[in-house]
């Protein structure tokens, strides 16, 4: 606070000194009769003027240098982020192309590999600045009574299973089956009914984004990314998570044939 105030005073004060110095140097001596005193004041005024100008020049150069560094850092950060985004999406797209070349019988076993890649791409490339970020991909069980983690990336352990008959299990299963809209929660203690927490439940996360993995009105599971820090995710983060959920939906669609899907009552309304 003190440094900011000092900086503001300097920003305003020095231009005033520079503007007033010429007047002080040449008008103040007129108030005195003694030549020696007048000469001393003139010299002193000129020294003050030169010093003020020099300081102002240094301040401008420092300001320009700081601005140049800030612009360079911003450009570097933008380039780094752009490279990370291209690499993440490119890696997943390449993986999906290879996935299509596999026989359908082998895709079930490779599905978890794609899920891991999606979670890792989110945690390490698309959301590297989110503190202790963790991404998990869940798949609906065949009986539609559980959401089971099949892919993990980032900090912490793989999340547990959401089961029917538990508060959050029922809530998430209902939301996934009908293809609910993405959930963006900045602070679970304020945005979620924590009174439904089971005794002893202490989640590692405070904020999270969850997206249903869904294709052609057919739900496969969900993708959730969380952080122990409140309000850790931006709107752009949420869009990137939704995009990755779309990639995951493609992998699921390539794994399960349409006849199998049509016999299964997983479709939303």
Foldseek 3Di string as FASTA:
>chain_A
DVVVVVVVCVVPPLVVQLVCLVVQLPPVLVVDDDPVVSVVSNVVSVVSNVVSVVVVVVVVVVVVVVVVVVVVVVVVVVVQLVVLVCVLVVVLVVVVVVLLVDDLVCLVVCLLVSQQSLQASLPVRNQVPQAQKKKWWWFQDQVLFKTQTSYIHTHDDHDHMQGPPAPVSVVQSVCQLQQHAKDWFQACVPPPPCVSPDPPDDDQFGTKIKGFLDDPQATTHIMMMGHNHGPRDDPVSNVSRNVSSPSSSSSVPSNDDPVVRVVGSSGHD
